[in-house]
Amino acid sequence: MASAGPRAVSSSGQAGAAAGAGAGAEAGEENSRYFPKMTQRGISPIHRAPNPIDPGVRIGHVHLRTADIDRVRAFYVDILGFDVVAEERNVSGWGTTGDVLFVSAGGYHHLLGFNTWKSAGGRPQPDGVTGLHHVALNYPTRAGLADAVRRLQRAGVPLRQLSDHGTHEAVYLSDPDGNALELAWDRPMDQWPHGEGGGLPPIFGDLDLDDLLAEPEV
């Protein structure tokens, strides 16, 4: 089950006991330069914009090109369980025609959009090009993340990586178009790890899948 209480980590970013005083001030200074500080109100950035954006801004949705609307629908709707909020075929867009699909959860207008306007029958994005690295889908509970993993296992979808990042647990996989997905659950903020100097270091630990799947079914 999820551990309680903040975890101390070394300057290497590995979970474990906090480095002692003998580790020296340099590690703490390095953390203060490169890692954000934890405060009671959340993360204090390593560099604050001179003219900050509204702190209420959130990423509203991600719109992806797909090779096949039916195939991507089967994955996101039939396996993961998203609701369809809009779907059309032979829709004009970007100087051509194609199919579109919009999916959501919880009544939001849409979280993910897909189209085939310039990608019908296309291949996954190759290495060596810029663009999207991955899309992260956050589940509100650890049990919800476990439910998603069970759905994927039942459908025979391979999991690429299982990670414990300290702040959150993450399951990585690819969708039918080869887009990398991260399914994640955020730990409560008071359980986030802390390093020397109060910084929040990156952690790349292993997620215990058996422990995750011990969560009650939802």
Protein backbone atom coordinates (compact mmCIF):
# COMPACT_ATOMS: atom_id res chain seq x y z
CA MET A 1 0.00 0.00 0.00
CA ALA A 2 1.07 3.63 -0.35
CA SER A 3 3.64 4.67 2.23
CA ALA A 4 2.92 7.49 4.65
CA GLY A 5 5.16 10.42 5.49
CA PRO A 6 7.74 12.25 3.42
CA ARG A 7 10.74 10.25 2.25
CA ALA A 8 14.29 11.54 2.41
CA VAL A 9 16.45 11.02 -0.67
CA SER A 10 20.09 11.46 -1.46
CA SER A 11 21.41 13.99 -3.94
CA SER A 12 21.54 11.21 -6.55
CA GLY A 13 17.74 11.12 -6.57
CA GLN A 14 17.49 7.59 -5.17
CA ALA A 15 15.08 6.89 -2.33
CA GLY A 16 16.74 6.12 0.99
CA ALA A 17 18.12 7.71 4.10
CA ALA A 18 18.96 11.37 4.00
CA ALA A 19 22.66 12.09 3.49
CA GLY A 20 24.37 13.02 6.73
CA ALA A 21 26.08 16.23 7.57
CA GLY A 22 29.29 14.77 6.19
CA ALA A 23 27.82 14.89 2.70
CA GLY A 24 28.84 18.53 2.70
CA ALA A 25 27.13 21.77 1.89
CA GLU A 26 27.82 21.46 -1.82
CA ALA A 27 25.09 18.84 -2.29
CA GLY A 28 22.58 21.07 -0.56
CA GLU A 29 23.65 24.04 -2.64
CA GLU A 30 23.40 21.98 -5.81
CA ASN A 31 19.87 20.92 -4.89
CA SER A 32 18.88 24.51 -4.23
CA ARG A 33 20.05 25.47 -7.71
CA TYR A 34 18.53 22.65 -9.70
CA PHE A 35 15.64 21.26 -7.67
CA PRO A 36 12.52 23.19 -6.69
CA LYS A 37 11.97 23.81 -2.99
CA MET A 38 9.07 22.29 -1.10
CA THR A 39 6.93 24.71 0.92
CA GLN A 40 3.71 24.26 2.87
CA ARG A 41 1.85 25.63 -0.15
CA GLY A 42 3.53 23.43 -2.73
CA ILE A 43 6.50 23.78 -5.06
CA SER A 44 8.66 26.89 -5.11
CA PRO A 45 10.12 27.11 -8.64
CA ILE A 46 13.86 27.33 -9.31
CA HIS A 47 13.15 30.36 -11.51
CA ARG A 48 10.04 32.50 -11.30
CA ALA A 49 8.91 34.26 -14.47
CA PRO A 50 9.28 38.05 -14.32
CA ASN A 51 5.66 38.37 -15.47
CA PRO A 52 4.02 35.18 -14.12
CA ILE A 53 1.14 33.45 -15.83
CA ASP A 54 -2.15 33.16 -13.92
CA PRO A 55 -1.51 30.36 -11.37
CA GLY A 56 -4.91 28.87 -12.17
CA VAL A 57 -3.89 27.93 -15.74
CA ARG A 58 -4.14 24.19 -16.45
CA ILE A 59 -3.61 22.03 -19.52
CA GLY A 60 -7.13 21.58 -20.82
CA HIS A 61 -6.76 18.83 -23.39
CA VAL A 62 -4.40 17.07 -25.78
CA HIS A 63 -5.31 16.57 -29.44
CA LEU A 64 -3.47 13.80 -31.27
CA ARG A 65 -3.21 12.64 -34.85
CA THR A 66 -4.27 9.03 -35.31
CA ALA A 67 -4.04 6.50 -38.11
CA ASP A 68 -7.40 4.89 -37.38
CA ILE A 69 -10.29 6.35 -35.38
CA ASP A 70 -11.92 2.96 -34.76
CA ARG A 71 -8.68 1.51 -33.41
CA VAL A 72 -7.96 4.42 -31.11
CA ARG A 73 -11.60 4.45 -29.95
CA ALA A 74 -11.35 0.78 -28.97
CA PHE A 75 -8.31 1.57 -26.82
CA TYR A 76 -9.36 4.77 -25.07
CA VAL A 77 -13.09 4.01 -24.74
CA ASP A 78 -13.44 0.23 -24.61
CA ILE A 79 -10.30 -0.47 -22.53
CA LEU A 80 -9.49 2.65 -20.51
CA GLY A 81 -13.14 3.68 -20.16
CA PHE A 82 -13.27 7.26 -21.44
CA ASP A 83 -16.68 8.61 -22.49
CA VAL A 84 -17.25 9.70 -26.09
CA VAL A 85 -18.44 13.30 -26.23
CA ALA A 86 -18.19 13.77 -30.01
CA GLU A 87 -17.42 11.60 -33.03
CA GLU A 88 -17.77 12.35 -36.74
CA ARG A 89 -16.59 10.91 -40.04
CA ASN A 90 -15.45 12.72 -43.18
CA VAL A 91 -15.18 16.07 -41.43
CA SER A 92 -13.43 18.93 -43.21
CA GLY A 93 -10.32 20.26 -41.52
CA TRP A 94 -6.81 21.51 -42.29
CA GLY A 95 -7.45 21.51 -46.02
CA THR A 96 -8.67 17.92 -46.19
CA THR A 97 -11.30 15.58 -44.72
CA GLY A 98 -11.04 12.94 -42.03
CA ASP A 99 -12.51 11.40 -38.90
CA VAL A 100 -12.56 12.98 -35.44
CA LEU A 101 -13.13 11.67 -31.93
CA PHE A 102 -13.31 13.53 -28.61
CA VAL A 103 -13.30 11.70 -25.27
CA SER A 104 -13.61 12.83 -21.68
CA ALA A 105 -14.34 11.86 -18.08
CA GLY A 106 -16.38 13.45 -15.34
CA GLY A 107 -18.44 15.68 -17.62
CA TYR A 108 -15.58 17.85 -18.96
CA HIS A 109 -16.01 18.95 -22.60
CA HIS A 110 -13.00 16.86 -23.71
CA LEU A 111 -9.68 15.71 -22.35
CA LEU A 112 -8.37 14.00 -25.49
CA GLY A 113 -9.07 14.64 -29.15
CA PHE A 114 -8.08 12.57 -32.18
CA ASN A 115 -8.22 13.18 -35.91
CA THR A 116 -7.11 11.50 -39.15
CA TRP A 117 -6.95 14.68 -41.25
CA LYS A 118 -3.30 14.25 -42.22
CA SER A 119 -2.49 10.94 -40.58
CA ALA A 120 -4.97 8.29 -41.83
CA GLY A 121 -3.09 5.02 -42.21
CA GLY A 122 0.08 6.67 -40.98
CA ARG A 123 2.94 5.17 -39.01
CA PRO A 124 4.07 6.07 -35.48
CA GLN A 125 6.35 9.07 -35.08
CA PRO A 126 9.98 7.96 -35.58
CA ASP A 127 12.89 8.73 -33.32
CA GLY A 128 15.04 11.72 -34.21
CA VAL A 129 12.20 14.22 -34.60
CA THR A 130 10.77 16.82 -32.26
CA GLY A 131 7.27 16.76 -30.86
CA LEU A 132 5.27 15.07 -28.16
CA HIS A 133 7.21 12.88 -25.71
CA HIS A 134 4.27 11.48 -23.75
CA VAL A 135 0.82 12.27 -22.39
CA ALA A 136 0.22 11.83 -18.65
CA LEU A 137 -3.23 10.84 -17.39
CA ASN A 138 -3.58 11.37 -13.64
CA TYR A 139 -5.97 9.21 -11.63
CA PRO A 140 -7.47 10.73 -8.47
CA THR A 141 -6.89 7.58 -6.39
CA ARG A 142 -4.30 4.81 -6.24
CA ALA A 143 -7.13 2.31 -6.59
CA GLY A 144 -8.13 4.03 -9.83
CA LEU A 145 -4.62 3.60 -11.21
CA ALA A 146 -4.70 -0.06 -10.21
CA ASP A 147 -8.03 -0.47 -12.01
CA ALA A 148 -6.52 1.00 -15.19
CA VAL A 149 -3.63 -1.49 -15.02
CA ARG A 150 -6.05 -4.40 -14.61
CA ARG A 151 -8.00 -3.22 -17.66
CA LEU A 152 -4.79 -3.11 -19.71
CA GLN A 153 -3.71 -6.54 -18.51
CA ARG A 154 -7.07 -8.07 -19.40
CA ALA A 155 -6.77 -6.59 -22.89
CA GLY A 156 -3.22 -7.87 -23.30
CA VAL A 157 -1.70 -4.38 -23.59
CA PRO A 158 2.01 -4.52 -22.67
CA LEU A 159 3.34 -2.20 -19.96
CA ARG A 160 6.64 -0.59 -20.93
CA GLN A 161 7.85 0.74 -17.57
CA LEU A 162 6.74 0.85 -13.93
CA SER A 163 8.17 3.77 -11.96
CA ASP A 164 7.95 5.30 -8.51
CA HIS A 165 8.89 8.96 -8.87
CA GLY A 166 8.40 9.80 -5.21
CA THR A 167 5.80 12.45 -5.92
CA HIS A 168 3.77 9.97 -7.94
CA GLU A 169 3.56 6.39 -9.13
CA ALA A 170 3.56 5.88 -12.90
CA VAL A 171 2.81 3.18 -15.43
CA TYR A 172 4.14 3.75 -18.96
CA LEU A 173 2.78 2.20 -22.15
CA SER A 174 2.05 2.99 -25.79
CA ASP A 175 -1.33 3.60 -27.38
CA PRO A 176 -2.23 2.01 -30.76
CA ASP A 177 -0.56 4.89 -32.65
CA GLY A 178 2.67 4.54 -30.72
CA ASN A 179 2.07 7.59 -28.53
CA ALA A 180 3.69 7.15 -25.14
CA LEU A 181 1.24 7.32 -22.21
CA GLU A 182 1.91 7.74 -18.52
CA LEU A 183 -0.88 6.63 -16.21
CA ALA A 184 -0.18 8.13 -12.79
CA TRP A 185 -1.38 8.68 -9.24
CA ASP A 186 -0.02 11.62 -7.22
CA ARG A 187 0.87 11.00 -3.61
CA PRO A 188 -0.52 13.53 -1.13
CA MET A 189 1.82 16.51 -1.02
CA ASP A 190 2.86 15.84 2.57
CA GLN A 191 4.28 12.49 1.41
CA TRP A 192 6.46 13.94 -1.33
CA PRO A 193 10.19 13.23 -0.89
CA HIS A 194 12.70 15.83 0.18
CA GLY A 195 16.42 16.06 -0.35
CA GLU A 196 19.26 18.03 1.15
CA GLY A 197 18.39 21.67 1.55
CA GLY A 198 14.67 20.95 1.26
CA GLY A 199 14.79 20.44 -2.50
CA LEU A 200 12.49 18.13 -4.45
CA PRO A 201 14.84 15.85 -6.42
CA PRO A 202 13.90 13.65 -9.36
CA ILE A 203 13.41 10.01 -8.41
CA PHE A 204 13.41 7.05 -10.77
CA GLY A 205 12.61 4.11 -8.53
CA ASP A 206 10.75 0.92 -9.36
CA LEU A 207 7.02 0.64 -8.81
CA ASP A 208 5.92 -2.49 -6.96
CA LEU A 209 3.19 -3.75 -9.30
CA ASP A 210 1.96 -6.45 -6.92
CA ASP A 211 1.53 -3.86 -4.18
CA LEU A 212 -0.36 -1.56 -6.56
CA LEU A 213 -2.66 -4.37 -7.67
CA ALA A 214 -3.43 -5.17 -4.03
CA GLU A 215 -5.55 -2.01 -4.02
CA PRO A 216 -9.29 -2.78 -3.75
CA GLU A 217 -11.22 -3.02 -7.01
CA VAL A 218 -13.30 0.03 -7.89
